[in-house]
Amino acid sequence: MPYFLGHQATWQQLLSLYQKDHLPHGLLITGPQGVGKSLVGLCLAYALLCQKPQKNGEACGTCGSCQLMEKEEHPDFYRLAPEGTLIKIDAVREIQKNLNFSPNMGKNRVILIQESESFHRSAANALLKNLEEAPQNTYFILLSSAAGRVLPTLRSRCHHFRLGPLSEENLKEILSKQGFQSKNLAFYQGSASLALKLKEVEDQIPDLIHLQNKQQLLSETVHLLKNLNSREEVKNFLLALLLSLHHRLTQNLNLEVEERFSLLSFAQRILEIKDSLRLNTNAKIQITPLMMHFEDQ
């Protein structure tokens, strides 16, 4: 059965609302990427569908319903996620076909919607009536890492629960279970998925950003970039470097003005290169502009 770390205040609030029969039928759970929104939503789905819930409202993990959830075969649990970049109207209508019937097991039905900021407008409009007049004992759990991009028509019909970044203690425990002992937890801003994504380049970053000389910083960065083999590796390296620069700038308020300006200029150029990678599949050709930029400073 899934579990998550952190977010206990929100979790207890959700369970309490359900136990008091006050849980809204439309829920929007938001927060930074990689903090556990999907796990919180999934654990709530387990609890809503469990046939023998614990006294605190959490799922038992052993009943027939929990076992079907574990096998991803529960007939009253539906997932909705983008196809490509969008959640499309056909996917919504496929789920709506089942909403006019009673649940197959127990009393509840749950629809878990990933990346709810990705709704095509027509798909969102199709879902609105269900959110406004949800069938009895049907719960919609919308998840998003970009709350501001969720269509206002959807956002206004859901009760909003916000999850914050993971604590360093929780992040350390999660990464440890994945076999990753990070020395720089603060870089990852409470995001487990970000830390796991960048773990391969973590060791290259700390020494790099503490180079005092601008040309040394540039030369070493270019050297490291040239040794990367794929576009994805280059993107991850640049992202890790940006996070490290951000950490250094925000945690060292007494930096000399010249050094702060140099780091900010460096970060701006990296952002420009990251953006250009979306249009150009050959990441390494961006190394030359990076070098030229700093030689002109």
C-alpha atoms as a PDB file:
ATOM      1  CA  MET A   1       0.000   0.000   0.000  1.00  0.00           C
ATOM      2  CA  PRO A   2       1.350   3.476  -0.798  1.00  0.00           C
ATOM      3  CA  TYR A   3       2.498   5.869   1.901  1.00  0.00           C
ATOM      4  CA  PHE A   4       3.992   9.338   2.017  1.00  0.00           C
ATOM      5  CA  LEU A   5       6.094  11.462   4.349  1.00  0.00           C
ATOM      6  CA  GLY A   6       5.166  14.915   5.568  1.00  0.00           C
ATOM      7  CA  HIS A   7       1.906  16.821   4.975  1.00  0.00           C
ATOM      8  CA  GLN A   8       0.332  15.403   8.122  1.00  0.00           C
ATOM      9  CA  ALA A   9      -1.813  18.446   8.881  1.00  0.00           C
ATOM     10  CA  THR A  10      -3.428  18.311   5.439  1.00  0.00           C
ATOM     11  CA  TRP A  11      -3.804  14.548   5.615  1.00  0.00           C
ATOM     12  CA  GLN A  12      -5.537  14.658   8.998  1.00  0.00           C
ATOM     13  CA  GLN A  13      -7.819  17.406   7.710  1.00  0.00           C
ATOM     14  CA  LEU A  14      -8.853  15.267   4.734  1.00  0.00           C
ATOM     15  CA  LEU A  15      -9.533  12.218   6.894  1.00  0.00           C
ATOM     16  CA  SER A  16     -11.455  14.272   9.434  1.00  0.00           C
ATOM     17  CA  LEU A  17     -13.652  15.832   6.754  1.00  0.00           C
ATOM     18  CA  TYR A  18     -14.448  12.389   5.366  1.00  0.00           C
ATOM     19  CA  GLN A  19     -15.214  10.869   8.750  1.00  0.00           C
ATOM     20  CA  LYS A  20     -17.582  13.757   9.472  1.00  0.00           C
ATOM     21  CA  ASP A  21     -19.197  13.319   6.051  1.00  0.00           C
ATOM     22  CA  HIS A  22     -18.022  16.794   5.014  1.00  0.00           C
ATOM     23  CA  LEU A  23     -15.422  15.876   2.391  1.00  0.00           C
ATOM     24  CA  PRO A  24     -16.056  17.919  -0.793  1.00  0.00           C
ATOM     25  CA  HIS A  25     -16.695  15.931  -3.952  1.00  0.00           C
ATOM     26  CA  GLY A  26     -14.192  18.080  -5.848  1.00  0.00           C
ATOM     27  CA  LEU A  27     -10.676  18.303  -4.382  1.00  0.00           C
ATOM     28  CA  LEU A  28      -7.699  20.163  -5.854  1.00  0.00           C
ATOM     29  CA  ILE A  29      -4.352  19.168  -4.324  1.00  0.00           C
ATOM     30  CA  THR A  30      -1.492  21.405  -5.412  1.00  0.00           C
ATOM     31  CA  GLY A  31       2.160  21.925  -4.532  1.00  0.00           C
ATOM     32  CA  PRO A  32       5.649  21.946  -5.999  1.00  0.00           C
ATOM     33  CA  GLN A  33       6.705  19.080  -8.207  1.00  0.00           C
ATOM     34  CA  GLY A  34       8.013  16.058  -6.349  1.00  0.00           C
ATOM     35  CA  VAL A  35       6.548  16.692  -2.877  1.00  0.00           C
ATOM     36  CA  GLY A  36       4.079  13.778  -2.851  1.00  0.00           C
ATOM     37  CA  LYS A  37       0.798  15.056  -4.314  1.00  0.00           C
ATOM     38  CA  SER A  38       0.173  11.838  -6.250  1.00  0.00           C
ATOM     39  CA  LEU A  39       0.838   9.735  -3.155  1.00  0.00           C
ATOM     40  CA  VAL A  40      -1.476  11.832  -0.985  1.00  0.00           C
ATOM     41  CA  GLY A  41      -4.193  11.593  -3.639  1.00  0.00           C
ATOM     42  CA  LEU A  42      -3.703   7.841  -4.010  1.00  0.00           C
ATOM     43  CA  CYS A  43      -3.734   7.239  -0.249  1.00  0.00           C
ATOM     44  CA  LEU A  44      -6.972   9.209  -0.038  1.00  0.00           C
ATOM     45  CA  ALA A  45      -8.446   7.067  -2.809  1.00  0.00           C
ATOM     46  CA  TYR A  46      -7.479   3.935  -0.840  1.00  0.00           C
ATOM     47  CA  ALA A  47      -9.185   5.355   2.258  1.00  0.00           C
ATOM     48  CA  LEU A  48     -12.372   6.307   0.390  1.00  0.00           C
ATOM     49  CA  LEU A  49     -12.669   2.856  -1.173  1.00  0.00           C
ATOM     50  CA  CYS A  50     -11.508   0.713   1.769  1.00  0.00           C
ATOM     51  CA  GLN A  51     -14.105  -1.758   3.087  1.00  0.00           C
ATOM     52  CA  LYS A  52     -12.599  -1.956   6.597  1.00  0.00           C
ATOM     53  CA  PRO A  53     -11.020   1.439   7.344  1.00  0.00           C
ATOM     54  CA  GLN A  54      -8.998   1.959  10.500  1.00  0.00           C
ATOM     55  CA  LYS A  55     -10.341   4.078  13.354  1.00  0.00           C
ATOM     56  CA  ASN A  56      -8.366   7.078  12.140  1.00  0.00           C
ATOM     57  CA  GLY A  57      -9.943   6.756   8.692  1.00  0.00           C
ATOM     58  CA  GLU A  58      -6.926   5.379   6.866  1.00  0.00           C
ATOM     59  CA  ALA A  59      -7.223   2.322   4.621  1.00  0.00           C
ATOM     60  CA  CYS A  60      -6.649  -1.087   6.191  1.00  0.00           C
ATOM     61  CA  GLY A  61      -4.456  -2.342   3.369  1.00  0.00           C
ATOM     62  CA  THR A  62      -5.813  -5.895   3.578  1.00  0.00           C
ATOM     63  CA  CYS A  63      -9.481  -5.916   2.529  1.00  0.00           C
ATOM     64  CA  GLY A  64     -10.652  -6.932  -0.929  1.00  0.00           C
ATOM     65  CA  SER A  65     -10.870  -3.328  -2.046  1.00  0.00           C
ATOM     66  CA  CYS A  66      -7.322  -2.496  -0.929  1.00  0.00           C
ATOM     67  CA  GLN A  67      -6.005  -5.609  -2.649  1.00  0.00           C
ATOM     68  CA  LEU A  68      -7.688  -4.623  -5.901  1.00  0.00           C
ATOM     69  CA  MET A  69      -6.221  -1.130  -5.577  1.00  0.00           C
ATOM     70  CA  GLU A  70      -2.808  -2.695  -5.094  1.00  0.00           C
ATOM     71  CA  LYS A  71      -3.268  -4.629  -8.333  1.00  0.00           C
ATOM     72  CA  GLU A  72      -4.646  -1.510 -10.067  1.00  0.00           C
ATOM     73  CA  GLU A  73      -7.839  -3.446 -10.821  1.00  0.00           C
ATOM     74  CA  HIS A  74     -10.418  -1.684  -8.648  1.00  0.00           C
ATOM     75  CA  PRO A  75     -13.616  -1.180 -10.691  1.00  0.00           C
ATOM     76  CA  ASP A  76     -14.516   2.062  -8.894  1.00  0.00           C
ATOM     77  CA  PHE A  77     -11.141   3.772  -9.226  1.00  0.00           C
ATOM     78  CA  TYR A  78     -10.322   5.763 -12.367  1.00  0.00           C
ATOM     79  CA  ARG A  79      -7.210   7.645 -13.422  1.00  0.00           C
ATOM     80  CA  LEU A  80      -7.248  10.533 -15.830  1.00  0.00           C
ATOM     81  CA  ALA A  81      -3.967  11.879 -17.215  1.00  0.00           C
ATOM     82  CA  PRO A  82      -2.751  13.824 -20.248  1.00  0.00           C
ATOM     83  CA  GLU A  83      -2.423  12.043 -23.559  1.00  0.00           C
ATOM     84  CA  GLY A  84       0.662  13.733 -24.877  1.00  0.00           C
ATOM     85  CA  THR A  85       0.305  17.228 -23.450  1.00  0.00           C
ATOM     86  CA  LEU A  86      -3.477  17.445 -22.936  1.00  0.00           C
ATOM     87  CA  ILE A  87      -6.335  15.760 -21.105  1.00  0.00           C
ATOM     88  CA  LYS A  88      -8.813  15.271 -23.933  1.00  0.00           C
ATOM     89  CA  ILE A  89     -12.577  15.185 -24.045  1.00  0.00           C
ATOM     90  CA  ASP A  90     -12.775  11.540 -25.166  1.00  0.00           C
ATOM     91  CA  ALA A  91     -11.011  10.423 -21.980  1.00  0.00           C
ATOM     92  CA  VAL A  92     -13.465  12.422 -19.861  1.00  0.00           C
ATOM     93  CA  ARG A  93     -16.478  11.013 -21.682  1.00  0.00           C
ATOM     94  CA  GLU A  94     -15.178   7.466 -21.235  1.00  0.00           C
ATOM     95  CA  ILE A  95     -15.243   7.926 -17.460  1.00  0.00           C
ATOM     96  CA  GLN A  96     -18.600   9.718 -17.538  1.00  0.00           C
ATOM     97  CA  LYS A  97     -20.218   6.599 -18.993  1.00  0.00           C
ATOM     98  CA  ASN A  98     -19.807   4.927 -15.601  1.00  0.00           C
ATOM     99  CA  LEU A  99     -20.968   7.794 -13.406  1.00  0.00           C
ATOM    100  CA  ASN A 100     -24.673   7.132 -13.896  1.00  0.00           C
ATOM    101  CA  PHE A 101     -24.402   3.693 -12.318  1.00  0.00           C
ATOM    102  CA  SER A 102     -23.889   2.716  -8.691  1.00  0.00           C
ATOM    103  CA  PRO A 103     -20.347   1.803  -7.596  1.00  0.00           C
ATOM    104  CA  ASN A 104     -19.431  -1.834  -8.154  1.00  0.00           C
ATOM    105  CA  MET A 105     -17.967  -2.322  -4.670  1.00  0.00           C
ATOM    106  CA  GLY A 106     -18.744  -0.503  -1.441  1.00  0.00           C
ATOM    107  CA  LYS A 107     -20.299   2.928  -1.565  1.00  0.00           C
ATOM    108  CA  ASN A 108     -17.708   5.230  -3.143  1.00  0.00           C
ATOM    109  CA  ARG A 109     -16.143   5.943  -6.506  1.00  0.00           C
ATOM    110  CA  VAL A 110     -12.903   7.931  -7.027  1.00  0.00           C
ATOM    111  CA  ILE A 111     -11.500   9.686 -10.086  1.00  0.00           C
ATOM    112  CA  LEU A 112      -7.831  10.717  -9.662  1.00  0.00           C
ATOM    113  CA  ILE A 113      -6.775  13.351 -12.206  1.00  0.00           C
ATOM    114  CA  GLN A 114      -3.054  13.900 -12.800  1.00  0.00           C
ATOM    115  CA  GLU A 115      -1.708  17.235 -14.106  1.00  0.00           C
ATOM    116  CA  SER A 116      -5.098  18.889 -14.005  1.00  0.00           C
ATOM    117  CA  GLU A 117      -3.599  22.060 -15.484  1.00  0.00           C
ATOM    118  CA  SER A 118      -3.441  20.103 -18.774  1.00  0.00           C
ATOM    119  CA  PHE A 119      -7.180  19.971 -19.479  1.00  0.00           C
ATOM    120  CA  HIS A 120      -8.206  20.913 -22.986  1.00  0.00           C
ATOM    121  CA  ARG A 121     -10.942  23.513 -22.569  1.00  0.00           C
ATOM    122  CA  SER A 122     -13.577  21.230 -24.116  1.00  0.00           C
ATOM    123  CA  ALA A 123     -12.599  18.397 -21.760  1.00  0.00           C
ATOM    124  CA  ALA A 124     -12.794  20.733 -18.773  1.00  0.00           C
ATOM    125  CA  ASN A 125     -16.207  21.971 -19.850  1.00  0.00           C
ATOM    126  CA  ALA A 126     -17.408  18.381 -20.136  1.00  0.00           C
ATOM    127  CA  LEU A 127     -16.307  17.725 -16.558  1.00  0.00           C
ATOM    128  CA  LEU A 128     -17.849  20.861 -15.053  1.00  0.00           C
ATOM    129  CA  LYS A 129     -21.351  19.486 -14.622  1.00  0.00           C
ATOM    130  CA  ASN A 130     -19.956  16.439 -12.805  1.00  0.00           C
ATOM    131  CA  LEU A 131     -18.075  18.707 -10.427  1.00  0.00           C
ATOM    132  CA  GLU A 132     -21.089  20.942  -9.882  1.00  0.00           C
ATOM    133  CA  GLU A 133     -23.531  18.084  -9.387  1.00  0.00           C
ATOM    134  CA  ALA A 134     -21.330  15.163  -8.455  1.00  0.00           C
ATOM    135  CA  PRO A 135     -23.110  11.803  -8.357  1.00  0.00           C
ATOM    136  CA  GLN A 136     -23.611  10.546  -4.837  1.00  0.00           C
ATOM    137  CA  ASN A 137     -20.426   9.231  -3.218  1.00  0.00           C
ATOM    138  CA  THR A 138     -18.268  10.146  -6.237  1.00  0.00           C
ATOM    139  CA  TYR A 139     -15.047  12.036  -5.500  1.00  0.00           C
ATOM    140  CA  PHE A 140     -12.837  13.881  -7.982  1.00  0.00           C
ATOM    141  CA  ILE A 141      -9.233  14.381  -6.828  1.00  0.00           C
ATOM    142  CA  LEU A 142      -7.405  16.839  -9.080  1.00  0.00           C
ATOM    143  CA  LEU A 143      -3.614  17.133  -8.764  1.00  0.00           C
ATOM    144  CA  SER A 144      -1.413  19.923 -10.076  1.00  0.00           C
ATOM    145  CA  SER A 145       2.094  21.341  -9.731  1.00  0.00           C
ATOM    146  CA  ALA A 146       0.906  24.530 -11.451  1.00  0.00           C
ATOM    147  CA  ALA A 147      -2.198  25.748  -9.621  1.00  0.00           C
ATOM    148  CA  GLY A 148      -2.225  29.030 -11.499  1.00  0.00           C
ATOM    149  CA  ARG A 149      -2.622  27.208 -14.813  1.00  0.00           C
ATOM    150  CA  VAL A 150      -5.626  25.148 -13.721  1.00  0.00           C
ATOM    151  CA  LEU A 151      -8.630  26.558 -15.540  1.00  0.00           C
ATOM    152  CA  PRO A 152     -10.541  28.937 -13.243  1.00  0.00           C
ATOM    153  CA  THR A 153     -13.801  27.109 -13.996  1.00  0.00           C
ATOM    154  CA  LEU A 154     -12.313  23.924 -12.528  1.00  0.00           C
ATOM    155  CA  ARG A 155     -10.470  25.629  -9.690  1.00  0.00           C
ATOM    156  CA  SER A 156     -13.581  27.428  -8.470  1.00  0.00           C
ATOM    157  CA  ARG A 157     -15.527  24.176  -8.178  1.00  0.00           C
ATOM    158  CA  CYS A 158     -12.948  22.385  -6.032  1.00  0.00           C
ATOM    159  CA  HIS A 159     -11.818  22.718  -2.441  1.00  0.00           C
ATOM    160  CA  HIS A 160      -8.119  23.614  -2.566  1.00  0.00           C
ATOM    161  CA  PHE A 161      -5.486  21.830  -0.453  1.00  0.00           C
ATOM    162  CA  ARG A 162      -1.878  23.062  -0.771  1.00  0.00           C
ATOM    163  CA  LEU A 163       1.158  20.894  -0.010  1.00  0.00           C
ATOM    164  CA  GLY A 164       4.457  22.566   0.829  1.00  0.00           C
ATOM    165  CA  PRO A 165       8.021  21.394   0.134  1.00  0.00           C
ATOM    166  CA  LEU A 166       9.270  18.354   2.011  1.00  0.00           C
ATOM    167  CA  SER A 167      11.431  18.957   5.057  1.00  0.00           C
ATOM    168  CA  GLU A 168      15.106  18.053   4.692  1.00  0.00           C
ATOM    169  CA  GLU A 169      14.538  15.206   7.176  1.00  0.00           C
ATOM    170  CA  ASN A 170      11.711  13.720   5.089  1.00  0.00           C
ATOM    171  CA  LEU A 171      13.617  14.287   1.861  1.00  0.00           C
ATOM    172  CA  LYS A 172      16.665  12.536   3.285  1.00  0.00           C
ATOM    173  CA  GLU A 173      14.578   9.515   4.315  1.00  0.00           C
ATOM    174  CA  ILE A 174      12.916   9.239   0.896  1.00  0.00           C
ATOM    175  CA  LEU A 175      16.227   9.481  -0.954  1.00  0.00           C
ATOM    176  CA  SER A 176      17.854   6.996   1.411  1.00  0.00           C
ATOM    177  CA  LYS A 177      15.225   4.395   0.513  1.00  0.00           C
ATOM    178  CA  GLN A 178      16.228   4.954  -3.131  1.00  0.00           C
ATOM    179  CA  GLY A 179      19.893   4.389  -2.284  1.00  0.00           C
ATOM    180  CA  PHE A 180      20.827   8.067  -2.667  1.00  0.00           C
ATOM    181  CA  GLN A 181      22.763   9.832   0.084  1.00  0.00           C
ATOM    182  CA  SER A 182      22.725  13.493  -0.910  1.00  0.00           C
ATOM    183  CA  LYS A 183      25.202  15.984   0.538  1.00  0.00           C
ATOM    184  CA  ASN A 184      23.239  18.976  -0.732  1.00  0.00           C
ATOM    185  CA  LEU A 185      19.609  18.547   0.307  1.00  0.00           C
ATOM    186  CA  ALA A 186      18.981  22.281   0.409  1.00  0.00           C
ATOM    187  CA  PHE A 187      19.579  22.521  -3.354  1.00  0.00           C
ATOM    188  CA  TYR A 188      16.455  20.494  -4.114  1.00  0.00           C
ATOM    189  CA  GLN A 189      13.973  22.789  -2.391  1.00  0.00           C
ATOM    190  CA  GLY A 190      11.991  19.952  -0.806  1.00  0.00           C
ATOM    191  CA  SER A 191      11.414  17.995  -4.042  1.00  0.00           C
ATOM    192  CA  ALA A 192      12.226  14.273  -4.041  1.00  0.00           C
ATOM    193  CA  SER A 193      11.697  13.833  -7.779  1.00  0.00           C
ATOM    194  CA  LEU A 194      14.058  16.712  -8.532  1.00  0.00           C
ATOM    195  CA  ALA A 195      16.750  15.238  -6.300  1.00  0.00           C
ATOM    196  CA  LEU A 196      16.461  11.812  -7.938  1.00  0.00           C
ATOM    197  CA  LYS A 197      16.511  13.380 -11.380  1.00  0.00           C
ATOM    198  CA  LEU A 198      19.714  15.301 -10.676  1.00  0.00           C
ATOM    199  CA  LYS A 199      21.580  12.819  -8.501  1.00  0.00           C
ATOM    200  CA  GLU A 200      23.976  11.858 -11.309  1.00  0.00           C
ATOM    201  CA  VAL A 201      25.334  15.405 -11.572  1.00  0.00           C
ATOM    202  CA  GLU A 202      25.190  16.433  -7.918  1.00  0.00           C
ATOM    203  CA  ASP A 203      28.864  15.768  -7.159  1.00  0.00           C
ATOM    204  CA  GLN A 204      30.003  18.009 -10.011  1.00  0.00           C
ATOM    205  CA  ILE A 205      28.218  21.129  -8.844  1.00  0.00           C
ATOM    206  CA  PRO A 206      29.350  22.343  -5.355  1.00  0.00           C
ATOM    207  CA  ASP A 207      33.028  22.876  -6.183  1.00  0.00           C
ATOM    208  CA  LEU A 208      32.103  24.526  -9.452  1.00  0.00           C
ATOM    209  CA  ILE A 209      29.934  27.314  -8.047  1.00  0.00           C
ATOM    210  CA  HIS A 210      32.542  28.276  -5.457  1.00  0.00           C
ATOM    211  CA  LEU A 211      35.138  29.181  -8.077  1.00  0.00           C
ATOM    212  CA  GLN A 212      35.890  32.861  -7.534  1.00  0.00           C
ATOM    213  CA  ASN A 213      37.372  33.640 -10.916  1.00  0.00           C
ATOM    214  CA  LYS A 214      34.850  34.195 -13.724  1.00  0.00           C
ATOM    215  CA  GLN A 215      37.026  32.553 -16.357  1.00  0.00           C
ATOM    216  CA  GLN A 216      37.638  29.546 -14.123  1.00  0.00           C
ATOM    217  CA  LEU A 217      33.891  29.179 -13.626  1.00  0.00           C
ATOM    218  CA  LEU A 218      33.294  29.397 -17.349  1.00  0.00           C
ATOM    219  CA  SER A 219      36.144  27.091 -18.320  1.00  0.00           C
ATOM    220  CA  GLU A 220      35.185  24.365 -15.838  1.00  0.00           C
ATOM    221  CA  THR A 221      31.505  24.559 -16.799  1.00  0.00           C
ATOM    222  CA  VAL A 222      32.307  24.189 -20.485  1.00  0.00           C
ATOM    223  CA  HIS A 223      34.646  21.288 -19.722  1.00  0.00           C
ATOM    224  CA  LEU A 224      31.956  19.444 -17.797  1.00  0.00           C
ATOM    225  CA  LEU A 225      29.346  20.111 -20.493  1.00  0.00           C
ATOM    226  CA  LYS A 226      31.606  18.726 -23.194  1.00  0.00           C
ATOM    227  CA  ASN A 227      31.883  15.441 -21.291  1.00  0.00           C
ATOM    228  CA  LEU A 228      28.107  14.925 -21.232  1.00  0.00           C
ATOM    229  CA  ASN A 229      26.749  12.604 -23.885  1.00  0.00           C
ATOM    230  CA  SER A 230      23.051  13.331 -24.227  1.00  0.00           C
ATOM    231  CA  ARG A 231      20.675  16.264 -24.422  1.00  0.00           C
ATOM    232  CA  GLU A 232      18.951  15.076 -21.236  1.00  0.00           C
ATOM    233  CA  GLU A 233      22.270  15.012 -19.361  1.00  0.00           C
ATOM    234  CA  VAL A 234      23.007  18.568 -20.470  1.00  0.00           C
ATOM    235  CA  LYS A 235      19.538  19.734 -19.364  1.00  0.00           C
ATOM    236  CA  ASN A 236      19.907  18.068 -15.955  1.00  0.00           C
ATOM    237  CA  PHE A 237      23.386  19.515 -15.463  1.00  0.00           C
ATOM    238  CA  LEU A 238      22.185  23.036 -16.274  1.00  0.00           C
ATOM    239  CA  LEU A 239      19.178  22.666 -13.959  1.00  0.00           C
ATOM    240  CA  ALA A 240      21.392  21.464 -11.111  1.00  0.00           C
ATOM    241  CA  LEU A 241      23.766  24.349 -11.728  1.00  0.00           C
ATOM    242  CA  LEU A 242      20.896  26.859 -11.629  1.00  0.00           C
ATOM    243  CA  LEU A 243      19.607  25.455  -8.345  1.00  0.00           C
ATOM    244  CA  SER A 244      23.084  25.626  -6.857  1.00  0.00           C
ATOM    245  CA  LEU A 245      23.603  29.206  -8.006  1.00  0.00           C
ATOM    246  CA  HIS A 246      20.225  30.135  -6.526  1.00  0.00           C
ATOM    247  CA  HIS A 247      21.194  28.531  -3.221  1.00  0.00           C
ATOM    248  CA  ARG A 248      24.522  30.337  -3.101  1.00  0.00           C
ATOM    249  CA  LEU A 249      22.997  33.709  -3.938  1.00  0.00           C
ATOM    250  CA  THR A 250      20.182  33.427  -1.393  1.00  0.00           C
ATOM    251  CA  GLN A 251      22.262  31.933   1.423  1.00  0.00           C
ATOM    252  CA  ASN A 252      25.233  34.305   1.082  1.00  0.00           C
ATOM    253  CA  LEU A 253      23.869  37.832   1.363  1.00  0.00           C
ATOM    254  CA  ASN A 254      27.341  39.285   1.967  1.00  0.00           C
ATOM    255  CA  LEU A 255      28.753  38.404  -1.454  1.00  0.00           C
ATOM    256  CA  GLU A 256      30.700  41.205  -3.114  1.00  0.00           C
ATOM    257  CA  VAL A 257      28.645  43.137  -5.669  1.00  0.00           C
ATOM    258  CA  GLU A 258      30.942  42.112  -8.526  1.00  0.00           C
ATOM    259  CA  GLU A 259      30.739  38.430  -7.637  1.00  0.00           C
ATOM    260  CA  ARG A 260      26.948  38.572  -7.210  1.00  0.00           C
ATOM    261  CA  PHE A 261      26.577  40.275 -10.597  1.00  0.00           C
ATOM    262  CA  SER A 262      28.819  37.663 -12.236  1.00  0.00           C
ATOM    263  CA  LEU A 263      26.786  34.798 -10.792  1.00  0.00           C
ATOM    264  CA  LEU A 264      23.492  36.412 -11.803  1.00  0.00           C
ATOM    265  CA  SER A 265      24.804  36.987 -15.327  1.00  0.00           C
ATOM    266  CA  PHE A 266      25.934  33.380 -15.484  1.00  0.00           C
ATOM    267  CA  ALA A 267      22.531  32.165 -14.293  1.00  0.00           C
ATOM    268  CA  GLN A 268      20.763  34.318 -16.894  1.00  0.00           C
ATOM    269  CA  ARG A 269      22.837  32.812 -19.700  1.00  0.00           C
ATOM    270  CA  ILE A 270      22.121  29.273 -18.479  1.00  0.00           C
ATOM    271  CA  LEU A 271      18.396  30.043 -18.493  1.00  0.00           C
ATOM    272  CA  GLU A 272      18.681  31.260 -22.084  1.00  0.00           C
ATOM    273  CA  ILE A 273      20.494  28.070 -23.102  1.00  0.00           C
ATOM    274  CA  LYS A 274      17.930  25.881 -21.332  1.00  0.00           C
ATOM    275  CA  ASP A 275      15.156  27.632 -23.227  1.00  0.00           C
ATOM    276  CA  SER A 276      16.972  27.201 -26.536  1.00  0.00           C
ATOM    277  CA  LEU A 277      17.281  23.445 -25.956  1.00  0.00           C
ATOM    278  CA  ARG A 278      13.548  23.165 -26.535  1.00  0.00           C
ATOM    279  CA  LEU A 279      14.110  24.216 -30.135  1.00  0.00           C
ATOM    280  CA  ASN A 280      17.473  22.626 -30.840  1.00  0.00           C
ATOM    281  CA  THR A 281      18.149  18.921 -30.406  1.00  0.00           C
ATOM    282  CA  ASN A 282      21.934  19.382 -30.424  1.00  0.00           C
ATOM    283  CA  ALA A 283      22.646  20.680 -26.944  1.00  0.00           C
ATOM    284  CA  LYS A 284      26.395  20.900 -27.381  1.00  0.00           C
ATOM    285  CA  ILE A 285      26.271  23.665 -29.964  1.00  0.00           C
ATOM    286  CA  GLN A 286      25.042  25.914 -27.141  1.00  0.00           C
ATOM    287  CA  ILE A 287      28.407  25.667 -25.377  1.00  0.00           C
ATOM    288  CA  THR A 288      30.058  28.090 -27.814  1.00  0.00           C
ATOM    289  CA  PRO A 289      27.528  30.907 -27.149  1.00  0.00           C
ATOM    290  CA  LEU A 290      28.027  30.347 -23.427  1.00  0.00           C
ATOM    291  CA  MET A 291      31.766  30.819 -23.807  1.00  0.00           C
ATOM    292  CA  MET A 292      31.407  33.856 -26.069  1.00  0.00           C
ATOM    293  CA  HIS A 293      28.980  35.473 -23.631  1.00  0.00           C
ATOM    294  CA  PHE A 294      31.481  35.438 -20.811  1.00  0.00           C
ATOM    295  CA  GLU A 295      34.472  36.392 -22.903  1.00  0.00           C
ATOM    296  CA  ASP A 296      32.541  39.563 -23.804  1.00  0.00           C
ATOM    297  CA  GLN A 297      31.815  40.496 -20.191  1.00  0.00           C
END
